[in-house]
Amino acid sequence: KIINQSNLGVSNNRNAILKEATAEWVIFMDDDVTMIKDYWETIEDNLVHHRGATSIRFNMITDNVIRPIRQHGGGISTYRDVISYGVWGLLLNRERIIKKGLWFNPDFGPGARFYCGEDSMFSSRLMLTTGRNYLAKAVLGHVDQTESTWYKRHDKKFFISQGAMYYHLGGPLSRWFFIKVMLKKHRPYIDIPMEEAQKYLKEGIRQAKELKRELKKH
């Protein structure tokens, strides 16, 4: 089934898939992902062991040593397991997702006002509002992360988007805790003064608050 729409942005595309799909299960795969042979059999095998699942996170592999993908075993998915990845490799029960009102924020992601963070925000709400989220040991595909179509560098635009994302991920205390962890993790790749990075993070938080107020008015 092909959906042709004029709305730009990754989040709008994923929301269209959730809305228009007719299958019980959906899985998002970007154009830089190569699925393993007979990947649907791997999915079916895991569904047998996780009946009633809301989501199943599969492993993905990459050759990019700078952007490694942490591998996991089986079991129940934790907040960290889900929030640490994009949504590729995440199998979702479409009906349960829609019943919980889970959608991708159209103001986030490539092609939107804030060009990243849409997956983290969706995954966070998934973990906080649903149960029966599982991990699968199996690898479902290979991600070619040699060149990003949206990320260029840790610059002003990146940190504004990150600040806006963290505004939605928690309250003031948890927000700044996660921001500090993020700054420490990404320090080797930050090519602007740390003071500037923190300034842009705060600007992103301010813009997200302002956008939220504007949406409430409408």
N, C-alpha and C. Protein backbone atom coordinates (compact mmCIF):
# COMPACT_ATOMS: atom_id res chain seq x y z
N LYS A 1 0.86 -1.19 0.00
CA LYS A 1 0.00 0.00 0.00
C LYS A 1 0.89 1.23 0.00
N ILE A 2 0.67 2.12 -0.93
CA ILE A 2 1.47 3.34 -1.05
C ILE A 2 0.64 4.54 -0.65
N ILE A 3 1.19 5.36 0.24
CA ILE A 3 0.51 6.57 0.69
C ILE A 3 1.24 7.78 0.13
N ASN A 4 0.54 8.60 -0.61
CA ASN A 4 1.13 9.80 -1.20
C ASN A 4 0.48 11.01 -0.54
N GLN A 5 1.28 11.82 0.16
CA GLN A 5 0.74 12.98 0.85
C GLN A 5 1.67 14.17 0.70
N SER A 6 1.12 15.36 0.91
CA SER A 6 1.90 16.59 0.74
C SER A 6 2.57 17.04 2.03
N ASN A 7 2.19 16.47 3.17
CA ASN A 7 2.78 16.86 4.45
C ASN A 7 4.24 16.43 4.52
N LEU A 8 5.13 17.37 4.84
CA LEU A 8 6.54 17.07 4.95
C LEU A 8 6.89 16.60 6.36
N GLY A 9 8.00 15.91 6.48
CA GLY A 9 8.50 15.53 7.80
C GLY A 9 8.35 14.05 8.10
N VAL A 10 9.36 13.51 8.77
CA VAL A 10 9.36 12.10 9.14
C VAL A 10 8.18 11.77 10.05
N SER A 11 7.90 12.63 11.02
CA SER A 11 6.81 12.35 11.96
C SER A 11 5.46 12.26 11.25
N ASN A 12 5.22 13.15 10.29
CA ASN A 12 3.97 13.08 9.54
C ASN A 12 3.87 11.79 8.74
N ASN A 13 5.00 11.33 8.20
CA ASN A 13 5.01 10.07 7.45
C ASN A 13 4.68 8.89 8.35
N ARG A 14 5.28 8.87 9.53
CA ARG A 14 5.04 7.74 10.44
C ARG A 14 3.62 7.76 10.98
N ASN A 15 3.10 8.94 11.24
CA ASN A 15 1.71 9.03 11.69
C ASN A 15 0.75 8.54 10.61
N ALA A 16 1.08 8.84 9.35
CA ALA A 16 0.24 8.38 8.24
C ALA A 16 0.23 6.86 8.17
N ILE A 17 1.39 6.25 8.43
CA ILE A 17 1.47 4.78 8.42
C ILE A 17 0.61 4.20 9.53
N LEU A 18 0.71 4.75 10.74
CA LEU A 18 -0.10 4.26 11.85
C LEU A 18 -1.59 4.42 11.55
N LYS A 19 -1.96 5.51 10.90
CA LYS A 19 -3.37 5.78 10.61
C LYS A 19 -3.90 4.92 9.47
N GLU A 20 -3.13 4.75 8.42
CA GLU A 20 -3.63 4.11 7.21
C GLU A 20 -3.39 2.61 7.14
N ALA A 21 -2.45 2.10 7.92
CA ALA A 21 -2.15 0.67 7.86
C ALA A 21 -3.35 -0.16 8.31
N THR A 22 -3.47 -1.36 7.78
CA THR A 22 -4.55 -2.26 8.16
C THR A 22 -4.04 -3.50 8.87
N ALA A 23 -2.73 -3.68 8.92
CA ALA A 23 -2.16 -4.86 9.57
C ALA A 23 -2.18 -4.69 11.09
N GLU A 24 -2.10 -5.81 11.80
CA GLU A 24 -2.07 -5.78 13.26
C GLU A 24 -0.76 -5.21 13.77
N TRP A 25 0.33 -5.50 13.05
CA TRP A 25 1.66 -5.08 13.49
C TRP A 25 2.29 -4.16 12.46
N VAL A 26 3.01 -3.15 12.95
CA VAL A 26 3.74 -2.25 12.05
C VAL A 26 5.19 -2.15 12.53
N ILE A 27 6.09 -1.92 11.59
CA ILE A 27 7.49 -1.72 11.93
C ILE A 27 8.06 -0.68 10.97
N PHE A 28 8.78 0.30 11.50
CA PHE A 28 9.32 1.38 10.70
C PHE A 28 10.75 1.04 10.26
N MET A 29 11.00 1.21 8.96
CA MET A 29 12.33 0.98 8.43
C MET A 29 12.70 2.11 7.48
N ASP A 30 13.76 2.83 7.78
CA ASP A 30 14.18 3.93 6.91
C ASP A 30 14.88 3.38 5.66
N ASP A 31 15.15 4.27 4.73
CA ASP A 31 15.73 3.81 3.46
C ASP A 31 17.20 3.45 3.58
N ASP A 32 17.81 3.67 4.75
CA ASP A 32 19.20 3.25 4.93
C ASP A 32 19.30 1.94 5.72
N VAL A 33 18.17 1.23 5.82
CA VAL A 33 18.13 -0.04 6.53
C VAL A 33 17.95 -1.18 5.53
N THR A 34 18.78 -2.20 5.65
CA THR A 34 18.65 -3.41 4.85
C THR A 34 18.18 -4.53 5.76
N MET A 35 17.03 -5.11 5.48
CA MET A 35 16.49 -6.17 6.31
C MET A 35 17.21 -7.49 6.03
N ILE A 36 17.28 -8.36 7.04
CA ILE A 36 17.85 -9.67 6.83
C ILE A 36 16.92 -10.50 5.95
N LYS A 37 17.43 -11.55 5.37
CA LYS A 37 16.61 -12.41 4.53
C LYS A 37 15.52 -13.07 5.37
N ASP A 38 14.30 -13.10 4.86
CA ASP A 38 13.16 -13.71 5.55
C ASP A 38 12.96 -13.11 6.94
N TYR A 39 13.08 -11.79 7.04
CA TYR A 39 12.95 -11.13 8.34
C TYR A 39 11.59 -11.36 8.98
N TRP A 40 10.55 -11.53 8.14
CA TRP A 40 9.21 -11.73 8.69
C TRP A 40 9.11 -13.03 9.50
N GLU A 41 9.93 -14.03 9.13
CA GLU A 41 9.93 -15.28 9.89
C GLU A 41 10.52 -15.05 11.29
N THR A 42 11.54 -14.20 11.37
CA THR A 42 12.12 -13.84 12.67
C THR A 42 11.08 -13.14 13.53
N ILE A 43 10.32 -12.23 12.93
CA ILE A 43 9.26 -11.53 13.66
C ILE A 43 8.21 -12.51 14.15
N GLU A 44 7.77 -13.40 13.28
CA GLU A 44 6.73 -14.37 13.65
C GLU A 44 7.20 -15.28 14.77
N ASP A 45 8.46 -15.71 14.72
CA ASP A 45 8.99 -16.57 15.78
C ASP A 45 8.95 -15.87 17.13
N ASN A 46 9.24 -14.59 17.16
CA ASN A 46 9.25 -13.85 18.43
C ASN A 46 7.84 -13.53 18.92
N LEU A 47 6.91 -13.37 18.01
CA LEU A 47 5.53 -13.14 18.41
C LEU A 47 4.94 -14.34 19.14
N VAL A 48 5.41 -15.53 18.77
CA VAL A 48 4.95 -16.74 19.45
C VAL A 48 5.33 -16.70 20.92
N HIS A 49 6.52 -16.17 21.23
CA HIS A 49 7.02 -16.12 22.61
C HIS A 49 6.52 -14.89 23.37
N HIS A 50 5.98 -13.92 22.67
CA HIS A 50 5.54 -12.68 23.32
C HIS A 50 4.10 -12.36 22.91
N ARG A 51 3.22 -13.28 23.16
CA ARG A 51 1.81 -13.05 22.86
C ARG A 51 1.28 -11.90 23.73
N GLY A 52 0.50 -11.06 23.14
CA GLY A 52 -0.04 -9.94 23.87
C GLY A 52 0.90 -8.77 24.00
N ALA A 53 2.02 -8.77 23.25
CA ALA A 53 3.00 -7.69 23.34
C ALA A 53 2.45 -6.39 22.77
N THR A 54 2.88 -5.29 23.37
CA THR A 54 2.62 -3.97 22.80
C THR A 54 3.73 -3.62 21.81
N SER A 55 4.98 -3.98 22.18
CA SER A 55 6.10 -3.74 21.28
C SER A 55 7.19 -4.78 21.50
N ILE A 56 7.99 -5.01 20.47
CA ILE A 56 9.16 -5.87 20.57
C ILE A 56 10.32 -5.15 19.91
N ARG A 57 11.38 -4.93 20.66
CA ARG A 57 12.57 -4.26 20.14
C ARG A 57 13.56 -5.32 19.65
N PHE A 58 13.90 -5.28 18.36
CA PHE A 58 14.89 -6.18 17.78
C PHE A 58 16.24 -5.48 17.70
N ASN A 59 17.31 -6.26 17.61
CA ASN A 59 18.64 -5.69 17.44
C ASN A 59 18.87 -5.27 16.01
N MET A 60 19.68 -4.24 15.85
CA MET A 60 20.14 -3.79 14.54
C MET A 60 21.66 -3.69 14.60
N ILE A 61 22.32 -3.82 13.47
CA ILE A 61 23.78 -3.74 13.45
C ILE A 61 24.21 -2.63 12.49
N THR A 62 25.40 -2.09 12.74
CA THR A 62 25.95 -1.03 11.90
C THR A 62 27.46 -1.18 11.79
N ASP A 63 28.04 -0.66 10.72
CA ASP A 63 29.49 -0.68 10.53
C ASP A 63 30.13 0.62 10.99
N ASN A 64 29.33 1.57 11.40
CA ASN A 64 29.84 2.88 11.80
C ASN A 64 30.32 2.83 13.25
N VAL A 65 31.64 2.85 13.44
CA VAL A 65 32.20 2.73 14.79
C VAL A 65 31.94 3.98 15.63
N ILE A 66 31.68 5.10 14.98
CA ILE A 66 31.43 6.34 15.70
C ILE A 66 30.02 6.35 16.28
N ARG A 67 29.11 5.66 15.62
CA ARG A 67 27.71 5.62 16.08
C ARG A 67 27.29 4.17 16.34
N PRO A 68 27.89 3.53 17.33
CA PRO A 68 27.57 2.12 17.60
C PRO A 68 26.14 1.95 18.09
N ILE A 69 25.57 0.79 17.80
CA ILE A 69 24.23 0.46 18.28
C ILE A 69 24.38 -0.61 19.36
N ARG A 70 23.98 -0.27 20.57
CA ARG A 70 24.11 -1.21 21.69
C ARG A 70 23.20 -2.42 21.46
N GLN A 71 23.80 -3.61 21.59
CA GLN A 71 23.04 -4.84 21.41
C GLN A 71 22.45 -5.29 22.75
N HIS A 72 21.33 -5.97 22.71
CA HIS A 72 20.68 -6.41 23.94
C HIS A 72 20.23 -7.86 23.83
N GLY A 73 19.96 -8.46 24.97
CA GLY A 73 19.42 -9.81 25.01
C GLY A 73 17.91 -9.78 25.01
N GLY A 74 17.30 -10.87 25.43
CA GLY A 74 15.85 -10.92 25.48
C GLY A 74 15.33 -10.40 26.82
N GLY A 75 14.02 -10.50 27.01
CA GLY A 75 13.43 -10.10 28.27
C GLY A 75 12.49 -8.93 28.14
N ILE A 76 12.22 -8.29 29.26
CA ILE A 76 11.33 -7.14 29.30
C ILE A 76 12.12 -5.87 29.01
N SER A 77 11.58 -5.04 28.15
CA SER A 77 12.27 -3.81 27.76
C SER A 77 12.21 -2.77 28.87
N THR A 78 13.32 -2.11 29.10
CA THR A 78 13.37 -1.02 30.07
C THR A 78 13.33 0.32 29.33
N TYR A 79 13.17 1.39 30.08
CA TYR A 79 13.13 2.73 29.50
C TYR A 79 14.41 3.00 28.70
N ARG A 80 15.55 2.62 29.27
CA ARG A 80 16.84 2.86 28.59
C ARG A 80 16.93 2.07 27.29
N ASP A 81 16.40 0.84 27.29
CA ASP A 81 16.47 0.01 26.09
C ASP A 81 15.76 0.65 24.91
N VAL A 82 14.65 1.31 25.18
CA VAL A 82 13.85 1.89 24.11
C VAL A 82 14.34 3.28 23.73
N ILE A 83 14.66 4.09 24.73
CA ILE A 83 15.01 5.49 24.48
C ILE A 83 16.37 5.63 23.79
N SER A 84 17.19 4.58 23.82
CA SER A 84 18.55 4.66 23.28
C SER A 84 18.61 4.43 21.77
N TYR A 85 17.49 4.18 21.14
CA TYR A 85 17.49 3.85 19.71
C TYR A 85 16.50 4.72 18.96
N GLY A 86 16.61 4.65 17.63
CA GLY A 86 15.53 5.17 16.80
C GLY A 86 14.41 4.13 16.80
N VAL A 87 13.34 4.38 16.06
CA VAL A 87 12.24 3.41 16.07
C VAL A 87 12.43 2.29 15.05
N TRP A 88 13.46 2.37 14.21
CA TRP A 88 13.66 1.21 13.34
C TRP A 88 14.07 0.02 14.21
N GLY A 89 13.49 -1.12 13.88
CA GLY A 89 13.71 -2.32 14.69
C GLY A 89 12.70 -2.46 15.81
N LEU A 90 11.73 -1.53 15.90
CA LEU A 90 10.72 -1.57 16.94
C LEU A 90 9.39 -2.00 16.32
N LEU A 91 8.96 -3.21 16.68
CA LEU A 91 7.69 -3.75 16.19
C LEU A 91 6.58 -3.29 17.13
N LEU A 92 5.50 -2.74 16.56
CA LEU A 92 4.43 -2.15 17.36
C LEU A 92 3.09 -2.79 17.06
N ASN A 93 2.30 -3.02 18.12
CA ASN A 93 0.92 -3.44 17.96
C ASN A 93 0.11 -2.19 17.65
N ARG A 94 -0.30 -2.07 16.41
CA ARG A 94 -0.91 -0.83 15.93
C ARG A 94 -2.16 -0.43 16.72
N GLU A 95 -3.03 -1.37 16.99
CA GLU A 95 -4.29 -1.05 17.68
C GLU A 95 -4.03 -0.51 19.08
N ARG A 96 -3.11 -1.12 19.82
CA ARG A 96 -2.82 -0.66 21.17
C ARG A 96 -2.16 0.71 21.17
N ILE A 97 -1.31 0.95 20.20
CA ILE A 97 -0.65 2.25 20.10
C ILE A 97 -1.68 3.35 19.87
N ILE A 98 -2.61 3.12 18.96
CA ILE A 98 -3.62 4.13 18.64
C ILE A 98 -4.57 4.33 19.82
N LYS A 99 -4.96 3.24 20.49
CA LYS A 99 -5.86 3.37 21.64
C LYS A 99 -5.24 4.22 22.75
N LYS A 100 -3.93 4.16 22.88
CA LYS A 100 -3.24 4.96 23.90
C LYS A 100 -2.97 6.39 23.44
N GLY A 101 -3.36 6.68 22.20
CA GLY A 101 -3.16 8.04 21.69
C GLY A 101 -1.70 8.37 21.43
N LEU A 102 -0.92 7.37 21.05
CA LEU A 102 0.51 7.59 20.80
C LEU A 102 0.75 7.95 19.33
N TRP A 103 1.26 9.14 19.13
CA TRP A 103 1.58 9.62 17.79
C TRP A 103 2.94 10.32 17.84
N PHE A 104 3.54 10.49 16.69
CA PHE A 104 4.81 11.21 16.60
C PHE A 104 4.52 12.71 16.53
N ASN A 105 5.28 13.48 17.32
CA ASN A 105 5.09 14.92 17.36
C ASN A 105 5.54 15.53 16.02
N PRO A 106 4.62 16.13 15.25
CA PRO A 106 4.97 16.64 13.93
C PRO A 106 5.92 17.83 13.94
N ASP A 107 6.18 18.41 15.11
CA ASP A 107 7.13 19.53 15.20
C ASP A 107 8.57 19.05 15.37
N PHE A 108 8.75 17.72 15.45
CA PHE A 108 10.09 17.15 15.64
C PHE A 108 10.41 16.16 14.54
N GLY A 109 11.70 16.05 14.24
CA GLY A 109 12.18 15.12 13.23
C GLY A 109 12.61 15.82 11.96
N PRO A 110 13.39 15.15 11.11
CA PRO A 110 13.82 15.74 9.85
C PRO A 110 12.64 16.29 9.06
N GLY A 111 12.78 17.52 8.57
CA GLY A 111 11.71 18.16 7.84
C GLY A 111 10.79 18.99 8.70
N ALA A 112 11.06 19.05 10.01
CA ALA A 112 10.20 19.81 10.93
C ALA A 112 11.00 20.93 11.59
N ARG A 113 10.33 21.68 12.45
CA ARG A 113 10.95 22.84 13.12
C ARG A 113 12.18 22.40 13.93
N PHE A 114 12.02 21.32 14.71
CA PHE A 114 13.14 20.75 15.47
C PHE A 114 13.54 19.44 14.78
N TYR A 115 14.77 19.39 14.26
CA TYR A 115 15.08 18.33 13.29
C TYR A 115 15.45 16.98 13.88
N CYS A 116 15.34 16.80 15.18
CA CYS A 116 15.59 15.49 15.77
C CYS A 116 14.81 15.36 17.07
N GLY A 117 14.73 14.14 17.60
CA GLY A 117 14.08 13.92 18.88
C GLY A 117 12.73 13.24 18.80
N GLU A 118 12.19 13.08 17.59
CA GLU A 118 10.84 12.51 17.46
C GLU A 118 10.76 11.07 17.97
N ASP A 119 11.81 10.28 17.71
CA ASP A 119 11.80 8.88 18.13
C ASP A 119 11.90 8.76 19.65
N SER A 120 12.77 9.56 20.25
CA SER A 120 12.94 9.52 21.71
C SER A 120 11.65 9.91 22.42
N MET A 121 10.97 10.91 21.90
CA MET A 121 9.73 11.36 22.52
C MET A 121 8.64 10.30 22.39
N PHE A 122 8.54 9.68 21.24
CA PHE A 122 7.54 8.62 21.05
C PHE A 122 7.85 7.43 21.95
N SER A 123 9.13 7.02 21.97
CA SER A 123 9.53 5.86 22.77
C SER A 123 9.33 6.10 24.26
N SER A 124 9.57 7.33 24.68
CA SER A 124 9.37 7.67 26.09
C SER A 124 7.91 7.49 26.49
N ARG A 125 7.01 8.00 25.68
CA ARG A 125 5.58 7.87 25.97
C ARG A 125 5.14 6.41 25.88
N LEU A 126 5.74 5.66 24.97
CA LEU A 126 5.43 4.24 24.85
C LEU A 126 5.71 3.52 26.16
N MET A 127 6.88 3.80 26.75
CA MET A 127 7.27 3.11 27.98
C MET A 127 6.48 3.60 29.19
N LEU A 128 6.10 4.86 29.20
CA LEU A 128 5.42 5.42 30.36
C LEU A 128 3.92 5.14 30.37
N THR A 129 3.34 4.84 29.22
CA THR A 129 1.88 4.68 29.15
C THR A 129 1.42 3.28 28.79
N THR A 130 2.34 2.37 28.44
CA THR A 130 1.93 1.02 28.07
C THR A 130 2.75 -0.02 28.83
N GLY A 131 2.34 -1.26 28.75
CA GLY A 131 3.08 -2.38 29.31
C GLY A 131 3.33 -3.42 28.24
N ARG A 132 3.93 -4.53 28.62
CA ARG A 132 4.21 -5.63 27.70
C ARG A 132 5.10 -5.20 26.54
N ASN A 133 6.18 -4.52 26.89
CA ASN A 133 7.20 -4.14 25.91
C ASN A 133 8.41 -5.04 26.11
N TYR A 134 8.81 -5.73 25.04
CA TYR A 134 9.82 -6.78 25.16
C TYR A 134 11.04 -6.52 24.28
N LEU A 135 12.11 -7.27 24.59
CA LEU A 135 13.33 -7.26 23.80
C LEU A 135 13.51 -8.61 23.11
N ALA A 136 14.03 -8.59 21.90
CA ALA A 136 14.35 -9.82 21.17
C ALA A 136 15.84 -9.86 20.89
N LYS A 137 16.47 -11.02 21.06
CA LYS A 137 17.90 -11.16 20.80
C LYS A 137 18.21 -11.07 19.30
N ALA A 138 17.26 -11.44 18.48
CA ALA A 138 17.50 -11.56 17.05
C ALA A 138 17.83 -10.22 16.40
N VAL A 139 18.68 -10.29 15.38
CA VAL A 139 19.00 -9.12 14.55
C VAL A 139 18.02 -9.08 13.39
N LEU A 140 17.45 -7.91 13.16
CA LEU A 140 16.44 -7.78 12.11
C LEU A 140 16.95 -7.08 10.86
N GLY A 141 18.02 -6.30 11.00
CA GLY A 141 18.51 -5.59 9.83
C GLY A 141 19.84 -4.91 10.06
N HIS A 142 20.35 -4.33 9.01
CA HIS A 142 21.64 -3.63 9.02
C HIS A 142 21.40 -2.17 8.66
N VAL A 143 21.96 -1.26 9.46
CA VAL A 143 21.78 0.17 9.24
C VAL A 143 23.04 0.78 8.64
N ASP A 144 22.90 1.44 7.53
CA ASP A 144 24.03 2.14 6.91
C ASP A 144 24.07 3.55 7.47
N GLN A 145 24.90 3.78 8.46
CA GLN A 145 24.98 5.09 9.11
C GLN A 145 26.24 5.85 8.71
N THR A 146 26.75 5.55 7.52
CA THR A 146 27.99 6.20 7.09
C THR A 146 27.79 7.69 6.84
N GLU A 147 26.58 8.07 6.42
CA GLU A 147 26.30 9.48 6.18
C GLU A 147 24.85 9.76 6.54
N SER A 148 24.63 10.75 7.40
CA SER A 148 23.28 11.09 7.83
C SER A 148 22.65 12.07 6.86
N THR A 149 21.35 11.93 6.63
CA THR A 149 20.63 12.85 5.76
C THR A 149 20.16 14.09 6.51
N TRP A 150 20.26 14.06 7.86
CA TRP A 150 19.79 15.22 8.63
C TRP A 150 20.85 15.79 9.57
N TYR A 151 21.69 14.92 10.14
CA TYR A 151 22.69 15.40 11.10
C TYR A 151 23.98 15.80 10.39
N LYS A 152 24.48 16.97 10.69
CA LYS A 152 25.74 17.43 10.12
C LYS A 152 26.80 17.59 11.21
N ARG A 153 26.45 18.26 12.30
CA ARG A 153 27.41 18.48 13.37
C ARG A 153 26.66 18.93 14.63
N HIS A 154 27.36 18.90 15.77
CA HIS A 154 26.79 19.38 17.02
C HIS A 154 26.86 20.91 17.04
N ASP A 155 25.94 21.53 16.33
CA ASP A 155 25.96 22.98 16.18
C ASP A 155 24.75 23.61 16.86
N LYS A 156 24.51 24.86 16.59
CA LYS A 156 23.40 25.59 17.20
C LYS A 156 22.06 24.90 16.96
N LYS A 157 21.80 24.51 15.73
CA LYS A 157 20.53 23.88 15.38
C LYS A 157 20.34 22.57 16.12
N PHE A 158 21.42 21.80 16.25
CA PHE A 158 21.36 20.51 16.95
C PHE A 158 20.96 20.72 18.41
N PHE A 159 21.62 21.65 19.09
CA PHE A 159 21.37 21.82 20.52
C PHE A 159 20.01 22.47 20.80
N ILE A 160 19.54 23.31 19.91
CA ILE A 160 18.20 23.86 20.07
C ILE A 160 17.17 22.74 19.98
N SER A 161 17.36 21.86 19.01
CA SER A 161 16.45 20.71 18.87
C SER A 161 16.52 19.80 20.08
N GLN A 162 17.73 19.58 20.59
CA GLN A 162 17.89 18.73 21.76
C GLN A 162 17.22 19.35 22.99
N GLY A 163 17.37 20.65 23.16
CA GLY A 163 16.74 21.33 24.28
C GLY A 163 15.22 21.22 24.23
N ALA A 164 14.66 21.39 23.02
CA ALA A 164 13.21 21.27 22.85
C ALA A 164 12.75 19.85 23.16
N MET A 165 13.53 18.87 22.73
CA MET A 165 13.18 17.48 23.00
C MET A 165 13.18 17.19 24.50
N TYR A 166 14.22 17.62 25.20
CA TYR A 166 14.32 17.34 26.64
C TYR A 166 13.24 18.06 27.43
N TYR A 167 12.73 19.15 26.90
CA TYR A 167 11.62 19.84 27.56
C TYR A 167 10.41 18.90 27.66
N HIS A 168 10.22 18.07 26.62
CA HIS A 168 9.08 17.16 26.59
C HIS A 168 9.35 15.84 27.31
N LEU A 169 10.60 15.56 27.63
CA LEU A 169 10.93 14.25 28.21
C LEU A 169 10.84 14.20 29.73
N GLY A 170 10.68 15.32 30.38
CA GLY A 170 10.60 15.28 31.84
C GLY A 170 10.52 16.65 32.48
N GLY A 171 10.41 16.66 33.80
CA GLY A 171 10.37 17.90 34.55
C GLY A 171 11.74 18.54 34.63
N PRO A 172 11.83 19.72 35.26
CA PRO A 172 13.09 20.48 35.31
C PRO A 172 14.28 19.69 35.84
N LEU A 173 14.10 18.91 36.93
CA LEU A 173 15.24 18.19 37.52
C LEU A 173 15.71 17.06 36.62
N SER A 174 14.79 16.21 36.19
CA SER A 174 15.17 15.10 35.32
C SER A 174 15.66 15.60 33.98
N ARG A 175 15.09 16.70 33.50
CA ARG A 175 15.50 17.28 32.22
C ARG A 175 16.97 17.66 32.24
N TRP A 176 17.41 18.38 33.25
CA TRP A 176 18.80 18.82 33.31
C TRP A 176 19.76 17.68 33.64
N PHE A 177 19.25 16.66 34.33
CA PHE A 177 20.08 15.47 34.57
C PHE A 177 20.41 14.79 33.24
N PHE A 178 19.37 14.58 32.41
CA PHE A 178 19.58 13.93 31.12
C PHE A 178 20.43 14.80 30.20
N ILE A 179 20.27 16.11 30.29
CA ILE A 179 21.07 17.01 29.46
C ILE A 179 22.55 16.91 29.83
N LYS A 180 22.85 16.86 31.13
CA LYS A 180 24.24 16.73 31.57
C LYS A 180 24.85 15.43 31.10
N VAL A 181 24.07 14.35 31.17
CA VAL A 181 24.54 13.04 30.69
C VAL A 181 24.82 13.11 29.20
N MET A 182 23.91 13.75 28.46
CA MET A 182 24.07 13.87 27.01
C MET A 182 25.32 14.68 26.67
N LEU A 183 25.55 15.81 27.36
CA LEU A 183 26.72 16.64 27.09
C LEU A 183 28.01 15.89 27.34
N LYS A 184 28.03 15.10 28.42
CA LYS A 184 29.22 14.33 28.74
C LYS A 184 29.49 13.26 27.69
N LYS A 185 28.42 12.59 27.25
CA LYS A 185 28.55 11.53 26.25
C LYS A 185 29.02 12.07 24.90
N HIS A 186 28.52 13.24 24.52
CA HIS A 186 28.82 13.79 23.19
C HIS A 186 29.97 14.79 23.18
N ARG A 187 30.61 15.00 24.33
CA ARG A 187 31.67 16.00 24.42
C ARG A 187 32.73 15.88 23.31
N PRO A 188 33.19 14.66 22.95
CA PRO A 188 34.21 14.56 21.90
C PRO A 188 33.76 15.09 20.54
N TYR A 189 32.43 15.17 20.32
CA TYR A 189 31.93 15.57 19.00
C TYR A 189 31.42 17.02 18.98
N ILE A 190 31.47 17.68 20.13
CA ILE A 190 30.98 19.05 20.22
C ILE A 190 32.08 20.01 19.78
N ASP A 191 31.83 20.76 18.70
CA ASP A 191 32.87 21.64 18.17
C ASP A 191 32.54 23.11 18.40
N ILE A 192 31.72 23.39 19.43
CA ILE A 192 31.49 24.76 19.85
C ILE A 192 31.74 24.82 21.36
N PRO A 193 32.03 25.99 21.93
CA PRO A 193 32.26 26.07 23.38
C PRO A 193 31.07 25.51 24.16
N MET A 194 31.35 24.85 25.28
CA MET A 194 30.31 24.24 26.08
C MET A 194 29.28 25.27 26.55
N GLU A 195 29.76 26.49 26.83
CA GLU A 195 28.85 27.54 27.26
C GLU A 195 27.81 27.86 26.18
N GLU A 196 28.26 27.84 24.92
CA GLU A 196 27.34 28.08 23.82
C GLU A 196 26.34 26.94 23.69
N ALA A 197 26.82 25.72 23.83
CA ALA A 197 25.94 24.55 23.74
C ALA A 197 24.83 24.64 24.78
N GLN A 198 25.20 25.00 26.00
CA GLN A 198 24.20 25.11 27.07
C GLN A 198 23.23 26.26 26.79
N LYS A 199 23.73 27.34 26.20
CA LYS A 199 22.86 28.47 25.85
C LYS A 199 21.83 28.05 24.82
N TYR A 200 22.25 27.29 23.81
CA TYR A 200 21.32 26.84 22.77
C TYR A 200 20.33 25.81 23.31
N LEU A 201 20.76 24.97 24.25
CA LEU A 201 19.84 24.04 24.89
C LEU A 201 18.72 24.79 25.60
N LYS A 202 19.09 25.84 26.32
CA LYS A 202 18.08 26.65 27.01
C LYS A 202 17.16 27.34 26.01
N GLU A 203 17.71 27.78 24.88
CA GLU A 203 16.90 28.40 23.85
C GLU A 203 15.90 27.40 23.27
N GLY A 204 16.33 26.15 23.11
CA GLY A 204 15.42 25.11 22.63
C GLY A 204 14.28 24.87 23.60
N ILE A 205 14.59 24.86 24.89
CA ILE A 205 13.56 24.70 25.93
C ILE A 205 12.57 25.86 25.86
N ARG A 206 13.11 27.08 25.69
CA ARG A 206 12.25 28.26 25.61
C ARG A 206 11.32 28.17 24.40
N GLN A 207 11.86 27.77 23.25
CA GLN A 207 11.05 27.67 22.04
C GLN A 207 9.97 26.60 22.18
N ALA A 208 10.31 25.48 22.83
CA ALA A 208 9.33 24.41 23.02
C ALA A 208 8.19 24.88 23.92
N LYS A 209 8.51 25.62 24.97
CA LYS A 209 7.48 26.17 25.86
C LYS A 209 6.57 27.13 25.09
N GLU A 210 7.18 27.98 24.28
CA GLU A 210 6.42 28.96 23.51
C GLU A 210 5.49 28.27 22.51
N LEU A 211 6.01 27.23 21.85
CA LEU A 211 5.21 26.48 20.87
C LEU A 211 4.03 25.79 21.57
N LYS A 212 4.27 25.26 22.75
CA LYS A 212 3.20 24.60 23.51
C LYS A 212 2.10 25.58 23.85
N ARG A 213 2.47 26.80 24.24
CA ARG A 213 1.47 27.84 24.55
C ARG A 213 0.67 28.22 23.31
N GLU A 214 1.36 28.33 22.15
CA GLU A 214 0.68 28.67 20.91
C GLU A 214 -0.34 27.60 20.52
N LEU A 215 0.04 26.33 20.69
CA LEU A 215 -0.86 25.23 20.33
C LEU A 215 -2.09 25.20 21.23
N LYS A 216 -1.92 25.56 22.51
CA LYS A 216 -3.04 25.58 23.44
C LYS A 216 -4.06 26.65 23.03
N LYS A 217 -3.58 27.76 22.49
CA LYS A 217 -4.47 28.83 22.06
C LYS A 217 -5.39 28.39 20.93
N HIS A 218 -4.88 27.46 20.11
CA HIS A 218 -5.64 27.00 18.95
C HIS A 218 -6.40 25.70 19.27
